[in-house]
Amino acid sequence: MSPMHPDYLIRDGSLEEIASVERTIPEFPRPKSADQLAARLGVPGALLKVACADGRPVAYKAGYPLPDGWFYSWTGAVQPAHRRRGLALALLQEQERLVREAGYAGIRVKSRNGFPSMLQLLIGQGYRIVDLEPVPSAADPKIHFAKPFPPSTP
């Protein structure tokens, strides 16, 4: 299995695999299709990671580089039957490791109060709130987080 999580295999994923997990997340009323995912993730430097159980993707974390030297952790989810097992943390740590090794300044991510587990995970991993973005069509604003990486020493 994966060094990041002993019960699941964490590996590179595909747009189709991420879309298949998206369709199983009850909190996502409009799951993103592979085409919608490709519009953001079909760029050089994008990271698509999936966690698999019995050979099937059950969770994912995906993001892409920003022009200012930061990385944007755009989307992620864990199927309900596989929650509370540390998968979101394992995927986040793997993403952080790869992004840090690639030399990015840090990671930015957005979430909402409607996802309290994600907010707790981000704060617990050293992400700090840097902005609130009102969303006219929703009562729940987007919460912007950032986690800068210290400069590497030679």
Foldseek 3Di string as FASTA:
>chain_A
DDPLAPQWDKDFDALQLQQVLQVQAPVRPPGDHSVRVCVFQVDPAKTWMFIDHPRHGFKIWIWGDDPVQEIEGEDIDGHPVPPPRCPVVSRVVVVQVVSVVVPGQWYKYKDWPVCVVVVVSCVVVPWDFDDWADDVVDPITITMTIDGDPHDDD
